[in-house]
Amino acid sequence: DDSLNILNKYNNLDSRIKVIDQENTGLTKALITGCKLANGELIARHDNGDWSVETRFAKQVEAFNSTSQLVMSSTGTTFIGPKGEYFNTINQSLNSALNGLKADSIDKLEGPPHHGSVMFKRSTYETVGGYRSDFIVAQDIDLWSRLVELGEHRSINEVLYHAGTDQSSISFTRRDYQFQTTEHIIECIRARKRAESEAPILMRLKKLNESQRKQNTIDNQSSASYYYFIGSNLANKDIVSSRLYFLKALKENPLHWRAFLKLLVSLIRCR
């Protein structure tokens, strides 16, 4: 789509821009490369297809300037559908931001609403070892859980980030894999609290990664889950559009009973 040439054009106009062109080896390794080349005091994340409010970075920098204890900052996030449909808005509470990433149980662990909304100190990032290539998914939670062991996380209670919905997202294609990886993160948190080695846990994670390596495809079931998710988010906002997404889910997976049930409910509501 000529993205590289477009980026190089802006690189020639602004010396602050660094364009990194490398083989696709996955998100985590791309993050590692980008953070390694960053030379500022703060590193901000931003995902493809999303957009930040123009004051986002200034307000996050202001938060860091207000206290030396801050190691990471995030913002409220609005989630939107593939055609710009509004889904919902998440603002993390003060208590959740301070304590959610320190929890050592999977039902209590809670991070920022979106990976792309985060900004963190480069020095702290380097101290904790940065993103770890062993974490092919949930690399954000792994990093954040280590950052907050050295300082505070503050969530700015303002929507400064807008996140799109991508069908190839791990949340739809590999949900079980993401959950299993998060369980390994919980084990790592517990090990660090006991001053024990994480090596055995990371070894088990490598075996999990190997077992999942051949499954990195978007199949009918994950596509159905994607369309069902969108339809569910629109059910109380745009019933006609939600019905179309439920139909798409059923086309991908005719046995998706939840999509069938919600489609039936939407038809009854319109009678």
C-alpha atoms as a PDB file:
ATOM      1  CA  ASP A   1       0.000   0.000   0.000  1.00  0.00           C
ATOM      2  CA  ASP A   2       3.072   2.237  -0.437  1.00  0.00           C
ATOM      3  CA  SER A   3       3.299   2.836   3.317  1.00  0.00           C
ATOM      4  CA  LEU A   4       7.103   2.678   3.356  1.00  0.00           C
ATOM      5  CA  ASN A   5       7.475   5.361   0.668  1.00  0.00           C
ATOM      6  CA  ILE A   6       4.972   7.601   2.466  1.00  0.00           C
ATOM      7  CA  LEU A   7       6.856   7.208   5.736  1.00  0.00           C
ATOM      8  CA  ASN A   8      10.184   7.907   4.050  1.00  0.00           C
ATOM      9  CA  LYS A   9       8.710  11.091   2.585  1.00  0.00           C
ATOM     10  CA  TYR A  10       7.887  12.361   6.086  1.00  0.00           C
ATOM     11  CA  ASN A  11      11.249  11.152   7.335  1.00  0.00           C
ATOM     12  CA  ASN A  12      12.903  13.485   4.827  1.00  0.00           C
ATOM     13  CA  LEU A  13      10.751  16.378   6.055  1.00  0.00           C
ATOM     14  CA  ASP A  14      11.307  15.848   9.792  1.00  0.00           C
ATOM     15  CA  SER A  15      14.608  14.568  11.189  1.00  0.00           C
ATOM     16  CA  ARG A  16      12.890  13.408  14.398  1.00  0.00           C
ATOM     17  CA  ILE A  17      11.152  10.619  12.491  1.00  0.00           C
ATOM     18  CA  LYS A  18      12.958   7.275  12.259  1.00  0.00           C
ATOM     19  CA  VAL A  19      11.569   4.727   9.827  1.00  0.00           C
ATOM     20  CA  ILE A  20      12.378   1.119  10.681  1.00  0.00           C
ATOM     21  CA  ASP A  21      12.000  -1.395   7.866  1.00  0.00           C
ATOM     22  CA  GLN A  22      12.493  -5.000   8.965  1.00  0.00           C
ATOM     23  CA  GLU A  23      11.209  -8.483   8.288  1.00  0.00           C
ATOM     24  CA  ASN A  24       7.887  -9.285   9.949  1.00  0.00           C
ATOM     25  CA  THR A  25       8.924 -11.270  13.015  1.00  0.00           C
ATOM     26  CA  GLY A  26       5.888 -10.407  15.135  1.00  0.00           C
ATOM     27  CA  LEU A  27       4.754  -7.523  17.313  1.00  0.00           C
ATOM     28  CA  THR A  28       6.991  -8.203  20.317  1.00  0.00           C
ATOM     29  CA  LYS A  29      10.254  -8.165  18.358  1.00  0.00           C
ATOM     30  CA  ALA A  30       9.130  -5.021  16.511  1.00  0.00           C
ATOM     31  CA  LEU A  31       8.482  -3.346  19.874  1.00  0.00           C
ATOM     32  CA  ILE A  32      11.903  -4.411  21.135  1.00  0.00           C
ATOM     33  CA  THR A  33      13.570  -2.904  18.051  1.00  0.00           C
ATOM     34  CA  GLY A  34      11.629   0.345  18.294  1.00  0.00           C
ATOM     35  CA  CYS A  35      12.315   0.828  21.989  1.00  0.00           C
ATOM     36  CA  LYS A  36      16.002   0.023  21.493  1.00  0.00           C
ATOM     37  CA  LEU A  37      16.311   2.803  18.922  1.00  0.00           C
ATOM     38  CA  ALA A  38      14.299   5.329  20.957  1.00  0.00           C
ATOM     39  CA  ASN A  39      16.531   7.876  22.670  1.00  0.00           C
ATOM     40  CA  GLY A  40      14.013  10.062  24.502  1.00  0.00           C
ATOM     41  CA  GLU A  41      13.327   9.929  28.234  1.00  0.00           C
ATOM     42  CA  LEU A  42       9.783   8.686  27.601  1.00  0.00           C
ATOM     43  CA  ILE A  43       8.413   6.097  25.172  1.00  0.00           C
ATOM     44  CA  ALA A  44       4.826   6.322  23.940  1.00  0.00           C
ATOM     45  CA  ARG A  45       2.958   3.472  22.281  1.00  0.00           C
ATOM     46  CA  HIS A  46       0.571   3.947  19.380  1.00  0.00           C
ATOM     47  CA  ASP A  47      -1.076   1.238  17.291  1.00  0.00           C
ATOM     48  CA  ASN A  48      -1.826   1.034  13.595  1.00  0.00           C
ATOM     49  CA  GLY A  49      -5.349   2.167  12.776  1.00  0.00           C
ATOM     50  CA  ASP A  50      -5.824   4.056  16.056  1.00  0.00           C
ATOM     51  CA  TRP A  51      -5.615   7.774  16.752  1.00  0.00           C
ATOM     52  CA  SER A  52      -4.574   9.921  19.690  1.00  0.00           C
ATOM     53  CA  VAL A  53      -6.137  13.210  20.715  1.00  0.00           C
ATOM     54  CA  GLU A  54      -3.638  15.965  19.894  1.00  0.00           C
ATOM     55  CA  THR A  55      -3.114  16.793  23.603  1.00  0.00           C
ATOM     56  CA  ARG A  56      -2.477  13.178  24.650  1.00  0.00           C
ATOM     57  CA  PHE A  57       1.329  13.239  24.724  1.00  0.00           C
ATOM     58  CA  ALA A  58       1.516  16.655  26.387  1.00  0.00           C
ATOM     59  CA  LYS A  59      -0.805  15.555  29.190  1.00  0.00           C
ATOM     60  CA  GLN A  60       1.088  12.321  29.768  1.00  0.00           C
ATOM     61  CA  VAL A  61       4.403  14.175  29.853  1.00  0.00           C
ATOM     62  CA  GLU A  62       2.860  16.586  32.359  1.00  0.00           C
ATOM     63  CA  ALA A  63       1.908  13.615  34.552  1.00  0.00           C
ATOM     64  CA  PHE A  64       5.510  12.391  34.543  1.00  0.00           C
ATOM     65  CA  ASN A  65       6.787  15.874  35.361  1.00  0.00           C
ATOM     66  CA  SER A  66       4.445  16.077  38.354  1.00  0.00           C
ATOM     67  CA  THR A  67       5.994  13.145  40.250  1.00  0.00           C
ATOM     68  CA  SER A  68       9.275  11.278  40.089  1.00  0.00           C
ATOM     69  CA  GLN A  69       7.554   8.069  41.272  1.00  0.00           C
ATOM     70  CA  LEU A  70       5.681   7.631  38.001  1.00  0.00           C
ATOM     71  CA  VAL A  71       7.028   4.885  35.700  1.00  0.00           C
ATOM     72  CA  MET A  72       4.052   4.530  33.341  1.00  0.00           C
ATOM     73  CA  SER A  73       0.967   6.471  32.360  1.00  0.00           C
ATOM     74  CA  SER A  74      -2.152   5.556  30.392  1.00  0.00           C
ATOM     75  CA  THR A  75      -5.318   7.321  29.304  1.00  0.00           C
ATOM     76  CA  GLY A  76      -9.012   6.706  28.896  1.00  0.00           C
ATOM     77  CA  THR A  77      -9.807   4.905  25.652  1.00  0.00           C
ATOM     78  CA  THR A  78     -12.773   4.839  23.288  1.00  0.00           C
ATOM     79  CA  PHE A  79     -13.261   1.653  21.263  1.00  0.00           C
ATOM     80  CA  ILE A  80     -14.708   1.848  17.780  1.00  0.00           C
ATOM     81  CA  GLY A  81     -15.855  -0.687  15.186  1.00  0.00           C
ATOM     82  CA  PRO A  82     -14.531  -1.370  11.675  1.00  0.00           C
ATOM     83  CA  LYS A  83     -16.854   1.261  10.177  1.00  0.00           C
ATOM     84  CA  GLY A  84     -16.320   3.816  12.923  1.00  0.00           C
ATOM     85  CA  GLU A  85     -19.183   2.544  15.109  1.00  0.00           C
ATOM     86  CA  TYR A  86     -18.954   3.602  18.747  1.00  0.00           C
ATOM     87  CA  PHE A  87     -18.589   0.660  21.147  1.00  0.00           C
ATOM     88  CA  ASN A  88     -17.685   1.928  24.590  1.00  0.00           C
ATOM     89  CA  THR A  89     -15.306   4.054  26.630  1.00  0.00           C
ATOM     90  CA  ILE A  90     -13.060   2.824  29.433  1.00  0.00           C
ATOM     91  CA  ASN A  91     -11.479   5.039  32.076  1.00  0.00           C
ATOM     92  CA  GLN A  92      -9.378   3.144  34.607  1.00  0.00           C
ATOM     93  CA  SER A  93      -9.955   4.115  38.233  1.00  0.00           C
ATOM     94  CA  LEU A  94      -7.177   5.498  40.440  1.00  0.00           C
ATOM     95  CA  ASN A  95      -7.161   2.386  42.631  1.00  0.00           C
ATOM     96  CA  SER A  96      -7.121   0.041  39.642  1.00  0.00           C
ATOM     97  CA  ALA A  97      -4.218   1.932  38.079  1.00  0.00           C
ATOM     98  CA  LEU A  98      -2.211   1.832  41.321  1.00  0.00           C
ATOM     99  CA  ASN A  99      -2.876  -1.794  42.234  1.00  0.00           C
ATOM    100  CA  GLY A 100      -4.319  -3.676  39.260  1.00  0.00           C
ATOM    101  CA  LEU A 101      -0.954  -4.677  37.795  1.00  0.00           C
ATOM    102  CA  LYS A 102       0.385  -5.866  41.149  1.00  0.00           C
ATOM    103  CA  ALA A 103      -2.264  -8.548  41.569  1.00  0.00           C
ATOM    104  CA  ASP A 104      -1.063 -12.150  41.536  1.00  0.00           C
ATOM    105  CA  SER A 105      -4.359 -13.779  40.526  1.00  0.00           C
ATOM    106  CA  ILE A 106      -5.786 -13.757  37.009  1.00  0.00           C
ATOM    107  CA  ASP A 107      -9.240 -12.566  38.131  1.00  0.00           C
ATOM    108  CA  LYS A 108      -7.761  -9.461  39.802  1.00  0.00           C
ATOM    109  CA  LEU A 109      -4.977  -8.569  37.362  1.00  0.00           C
ATOM    110  CA  GLU A 110      -5.991  -5.394  35.511  1.00  0.00           C
ATOM    111  CA  GLY A 111      -3.992  -3.188  33.201  1.00  0.00           C
ATOM    112  CA  PRO A 112      -4.692  -0.059  31.143  1.00  0.00           C
ATOM    113  CA  PRO A 113      -7.633  -0.204  28.723  1.00  0.00           C
ATOM    114  CA  HIS A 114      -5.362  -0.387  25.667  1.00  0.00           C
ATOM    115  CA  HIS A 115      -1.698  -1.093  24.903  1.00  0.00           C
ATOM    116  CA  GLY A 116      -1.517   1.889  22.559  1.00  0.00           C
ATOM    117  CA  SER A 117      -2.515   4.412  25.240  1.00  0.00           C
ATOM    118  CA  VAL A 118       0.563   3.803  27.378  1.00  0.00           C
ATOM    119  CA  MET A 119       3.664   5.930  27.917  1.00  0.00           C
ATOM    120  CA  PHE A 120       6.564   4.773  30.113  1.00  0.00           C
ATOM    121  CA  LYS A 121      10.023   5.823  31.278  1.00  0.00           C
ATOM    122  CA  ARG A 122      12.776   4.524  29.033  1.00  0.00           C
ATOM    123  CA  SER A 123      15.186   4.182  31.974  1.00  0.00           C
ATOM    124  CA  THR A 124      12.733   1.988  33.903  1.00  0.00           C
ATOM    125  CA  TYR A 125      11.955   0.018  30.757  1.00  0.00           C
ATOM    126  CA  GLU A 126      15.642  -0.773  30.363  1.00  0.00           C
ATOM    127  CA  THR A 127      16.071  -1.567  34.070  1.00  0.00           C
ATOM    128  CA  VAL A 128      13.363  -4.258  34.034  1.00  0.00           C
ATOM    129  CA  GLY A 129      14.604  -5.756  30.776  1.00  0.00           C
ATOM    130  CA  GLY A 130      11.999  -4.298  28.420  1.00  0.00           C
ATOM    131  CA  TYR A 131       9.614  -6.347  26.330  1.00  0.00           C
ATOM    132  CA  ARG A 132      10.589 -10.012  26.456  1.00  0.00           C
ATOM    133  CA  SER A 133      10.619 -11.986  23.207  1.00  0.00           C
ATOM    134  CA  ASP A 134       9.300 -15.072  25.033  1.00  0.00           C
ATOM    135  CA  PHE A 135       5.942 -13.270  25.306  1.00  0.00           C
ATOM    136  CA  ILE A 136       4.607 -13.460  21.772  1.00  0.00           C
ATOM    137  CA  VAL A 137       1.205 -12.354  23.099  1.00  0.00           C
ATOM    138  CA  ALA A 138       0.292 -10.445  26.294  1.00  0.00           C
ATOM    139  CA  GLN A 139       3.711  -8.798  26.064  1.00  0.00           C
ATOM    140  CA  ASP A 140       2.140  -5.594  27.365  1.00  0.00           C
ATOM    141  CA  ILE A 141       0.895  -7.129  30.634  1.00  0.00           C
ATOM    142  CA  ASP A 142       4.260  -8.801  31.198  1.00  0.00           C
ATOM    143  CA  LEU A 143       6.124  -5.504  30.778  1.00  0.00           C
ATOM    144  CA  TRP A 144       3.677  -3.445  32.838  1.00  0.00           C
ATOM    145  CA  SER A 145       3.692  -5.907  35.749  1.00  0.00           C
ATOM    146  CA  ARG A 146       7.470  -5.488  35.980  1.00  0.00           C
ATOM    147  CA  LEU A 147       7.433  -1.699  35.568  1.00  0.00           C
ATOM    148  CA  VAL A 148       5.053  -1.136  38.494  1.00  0.00           C
ATOM    149  CA  GLU A 149       7.394  -3.039  40.798  1.00  0.00           C
ATOM    150  CA  LEU A 150       9.717  -0.016  40.506  1.00  0.00           C
ATOM    151  CA  GLY A 151       7.194   2.824  40.630  1.00  0.00           C
ATOM    152  CA  GLU A 152       3.631   4.005  40.083  1.00  0.00           C
ATOM    153  CA  HIS A 153       1.175   3.776  37.223  1.00  0.00           C
ATOM    154  CA  ARG A 154      -1.226   6.673  36.791  1.00  0.00           C
ATOM    155  CA  SER A 155      -4.259   6.669  34.522  1.00  0.00           C
ATOM    156  CA  ILE A 156      -5.365  10.040  33.160  1.00  0.00           C
ATOM    157  CA  ASN A 157      -9.143  10.073  33.582  1.00  0.00           C
ATOM    158  CA  GLU A 158      -9.748  11.544  30.157  1.00  0.00           C
ATOM    159  CA  VAL A 159     -10.346   9.926  26.776  1.00  0.00           C
ATOM    160  CA  LEU A 160      -7.181  10.691  24.825  1.00  0.00           C
ATOM    161  CA  TYR A 161      -6.939   7.504  22.745  1.00  0.00           C
ATOM    162  CA  HIS A 162      -9.294   5.938  20.210  1.00  0.00           C
ATOM    163  CA  ALA A 163      -8.785   2.268  19.373  1.00  0.00           C
ATOM    164  CA  GLY A 164     -10.075   0.489  16.297  1.00  0.00           C
ATOM    165  CA  THR A 165     -11.127  -3.156  16.065  1.00  0.00           C
ATOM    166  CA  ASP A 166      -8.928  -5.448  13.994  1.00  0.00           C
ATOM    167  CA  GLN A 167     -10.084  -8.881  12.875  1.00  0.00           C
ATOM    168  CA  SER A 168      -6.509 -10.183  13.069  1.00  0.00           C
ATOM    169  CA  SER A 169      -6.245  -9.131  16.712  1.00  0.00           C
ATOM    170  CA  ILE A 170      -5.057 -11.861  19.063  1.00  0.00           C
ATOM    171  CA  SER A 171      -8.185 -11.242  21.132  1.00  0.00           C
ATOM    172  CA  PHE A 172     -10.209 -12.888  18.376  1.00  0.00           C
ATOM    173  CA  THR A 173      -7.781 -15.281  16.719  1.00  0.00           C
ATOM    174  CA  ARG A 174      -5.947 -16.727  19.729  1.00  0.00           C
ATOM    175  CA  ARG A 175      -7.967 -15.926  22.852  1.00  0.00           C
ATOM    176  CA  ASP A 176      -7.061 -19.194  24.605  1.00  0.00           C
ATOM    177  CA  TYR A 177      -3.375 -18.658  23.834  1.00  0.00           C
ATOM    178  CA  GLN A 178      -3.530 -15.165  25.315  1.00  0.00           C
ATOM    179  CA  PHE A 179      -5.222 -16.477  28.460  1.00  0.00           C
ATOM    180  CA  GLN A 180      -2.640 -19.238  28.914  1.00  0.00           C
ATOM    181  CA  THR A 181       0.205 -16.745  28.461  1.00  0.00           C
ATOM    182  CA  THR A 182      -1.368 -14.463  31.070  1.00  0.00           C
ATOM    183  CA  GLU A 183      -1.388 -17.408  33.476  1.00  0.00           C
ATOM    184  CA  HIS A 184       2.381 -17.644  32.970  1.00  0.00           C
ATOM    185  CA  ILE A 185       2.659 -13.908  33.726  1.00  0.00           C
ATOM    186  CA  ILE A 186       0.821 -14.463  37.016  1.00  0.00           C
ATOM    187  CA  GLU A 187       3.295 -17.235  37.866  1.00  0.00           C
ATOM    188  CA  CYS A 188       6.177 -14.862  37.086  1.00  0.00           C
ATOM    189  CA  ILE A 189       4.705 -12.178  39.372  1.00  0.00           C
ATOM    190  CA  ARG A 190       4.446 -14.695  42.193  1.00  0.00           C
ATOM    191  CA  ALA A 191       7.999 -15.919  41.586  1.00  0.00           C
ATOM    192  CA  ARG A 192       9.398 -12.385  41.729  1.00  0.00           C
ATOM    193  CA  LYS A 193       7.524 -11.712  44.966  1.00  0.00           C
ATOM    194  CA  ARG A 194       9.191 -14.797  46.450  1.00  0.00           C
ATOM    195  CA  ALA A 195      12.565 -13.781  44.967  1.00  0.00           C
ATOM    196  CA  GLU A 196      12.566 -17.021  42.943  1.00  0.00           C
ATOM    197  CA  SER A 197      13.821 -17.623  39.412  1.00  0.00           C
ATOM    198  CA  GLU A 198      11.394 -17.167  36.515  1.00  0.00           C
ATOM    199  CA  ALA A 199      13.439 -19.530  34.329  1.00  0.00           C
ATOM    200  CA  PRO A 200      11.238 -22.649  34.796  1.00  0.00           C
ATOM    201  CA  ILE A 201       8.125 -20.597  33.971  1.00  0.00           C
ATOM    202  CA  LEU A 202       9.698 -19.097  30.856  1.00  0.00           C
ATOM    203  CA  MET A 203      10.781 -22.565  29.758  1.00  0.00           C
ATOM    204  CA  ARG A 204       7.175 -23.775  29.984  1.00  0.00           C
ATOM    205  CA  LEU A 205       6.084 -20.677  28.059  1.00  0.00           C
ATOM    206  CA  LYS A 206       8.501 -21.529  25.232  1.00  0.00           C
ATOM    207  CA  LYS A 207       6.874 -24.948  24.947  1.00  0.00           C
ATOM    208  CA  LEU A 208       3.442 -23.300  24.813  1.00  0.00           C
ATOM    209  CA  ASN A 209       4.670 -20.937  22.083  1.00  0.00           C
ATOM    210  CA  GLU A 210       6.001 -23.854  20.055  1.00  0.00           C
ATOM    211  CA  SER A 211       2.705 -25.708  20.320  1.00  0.00           C
ATOM    212  CA  GLN A 212       0.830 -22.611  19.120  1.00  0.00           C
ATOM    213  CA  ARG A 213       3.199 -21.651  16.316  1.00  0.00           C
ATOM    214  CA  LYS A 214       1.382 -23.602  13.613  1.00  0.00           C
ATOM    215  CA  GLN A 215      -2.019 -22.167  14.537  1.00  0.00           C
ATOM    216  CA  ASN A 216      -1.404 -18.532  13.580  1.00  0.00           C
ATOM    217  CA  THR A 217      -4.289 -18.259  11.129  1.00  0.00           C
ATOM    218  CA  ILE A 218      -7.667 -16.575  11.042  1.00  0.00           C
ATOM    219  CA  ASP A 219     -10.146 -19.451  10.808  1.00  0.00           C
ATOM    220  CA  ASN A 220     -13.930 -19.404  10.487  1.00  0.00           C
ATOM    221  CA  GLN A 221     -14.425 -19.741  14.227  1.00  0.00           C
ATOM    222  CA  SER A 222     -12.291 -16.709  15.075  1.00  0.00           C
ATOM    223  CA  SER A 223     -13.964 -14.703  12.295  1.00  0.00           C
ATOM    224  CA  ALA A 224     -17.350 -15.624  13.750  1.00  0.00           C
ATOM    225  CA  SER A 225     -16.178 -14.492  17.190  1.00  0.00           C
ATOM    226  CA  TYR A 226     -15.045 -11.195  15.691  1.00  0.00           C
ATOM    227  CA  TYR A 227     -18.397 -10.471  14.034  1.00  0.00           C
ATOM    228  CA  TYR A 228     -20.292 -11.611  17.122  1.00  0.00           C
ATOM    229  CA  PHE A 229     -18.230  -9.230  19.277  1.00  0.00           C
ATOM    230  CA  ILE A 230     -19.048  -6.275  17.023  1.00  0.00           C
ATOM    231  CA  GLY A 231     -22.721  -7.187  16.848  1.00  0.00           C
ATOM    232  CA  SER A 232     -22.940  -7.504  20.630  1.00  0.00           C
ATOM    233  CA  ASN A 233     -21.387  -4.064  21.112  1.00  0.00           C
ATOM    234  CA  LEU A 234     -23.898  -2.517  18.715  1.00  0.00           C
ATOM    235  CA  ALA A 235     -26.967  -4.403  19.966  1.00  0.00           C
ATOM    236  CA  ASN A 236     -28.236  -1.522  22.121  1.00  0.00           C
ATOM    237  CA  LYS A 237     -26.994   1.276  19.837  1.00  0.00           C
ATOM    238  CA  ASP A 238     -27.702   0.248  16.243  1.00  0.00           C
ATOM    239  CA  ILE A 239     -29.918  -2.818  16.085  1.00  0.00           C
ATOM    240  CA  VAL A 240     -29.946  -2.985  12.275  1.00  0.00           C
ATOM    241  CA  SER A 241     -26.149  -2.962  11.999  1.00  0.00           C
ATOM    242  CA  SER A 242     -25.800  -5.431  14.882  1.00  0.00           C
ATOM    243  CA  ARG A 243     -28.132  -7.830  13.071  1.00  0.00           C
ATOM    244  CA  LEU A 244     -25.916  -7.731   9.962  1.00  0.00           C
ATOM    245  CA  TYR A 245     -22.860  -8.639  12.047  1.00  0.00           C
ATOM    246  CA  PHE A 246     -24.712 -11.540  13.711  1.00  0.00           C
ATOM    247  CA  LEU A 247     -25.604 -12.806  10.227  1.00  0.00           C
ATOM    248  CA  LYS A 248     -21.934 -12.588   9.233  1.00  0.00           C
ATOM    249  CA  ALA A 249     -20.994 -14.540  12.357  1.00  0.00           C
ATOM    250  CA  LEU A 250     -23.478 -17.269  11.469  1.00  0.00           C
ATOM    251  CA  LYS A 251     -22.190 -17.376   7.898  1.00  0.00           C
ATOM    252  CA  GLU A 252     -18.702 -18.073   9.243  1.00  0.00           C
ATOM    253  CA  ASN A 253     -19.940 -20.523  11.866  1.00  0.00           C
ATOM    254  CA  PRO A 254     -23.562 -21.732  11.516  1.00  0.00           C
ATOM    255  CA  LEU A 255     -23.279 -23.386  14.952  1.00  0.00           C
ATOM    256  CA  HIS A 256     -22.541 -20.112  16.766  1.00  0.00           C
ATOM    257  CA  TRP A 257     -25.604 -20.340  19.009  1.00  0.00           C
ATOM    258  CA  ARG A 258     -24.962 -17.043  20.800  1.00  0.00           C
ATOM    259  CA  ALA A 259     -25.051 -15.163  17.504  1.00  0.00           C
ATOM    260  CA  PHE A 260     -28.239 -17.003  16.539  1.00  0.00           C
ATOM    261  CA  LEU A 261     -29.872 -16.181  19.884  1.00  0.00           C
ATOM    262  CA  LYS A 262     -28.983 -12.482  19.709  1.00  0.00           C
ATOM    263  CA  LEU A 263     -30.134 -12.317  16.110  1.00  0.00           C
ATOM    264  CA  LEU A 264     -33.455 -13.834  17.167  1.00  0.00           C
ATOM    265  CA  VAL A 265     -33.797 -11.338  20.035  1.00  0.00           C
ATOM    266  CA  SER A 266     -33.075  -8.420  17.663  1.00  0.00           C
ATOM    267  CA  LEU A 267     -35.786  -9.613  15.280  1.00  0.00           C
ATOM    268  CA  ILE A 268     -38.324  -9.948  18.096  1.00  0.00           C
ATOM    269  CA  ARG A 269     -37.477  -6.443  19.381  1.00  0.00           C
ATOM    270  CA  CYS A 270     -38.249  -4.957  15.971  1.00  0.00           C
ATOM    271  CA  ARG A 271     -41.664  -6.561  15.610  1.00  0.00           C
END
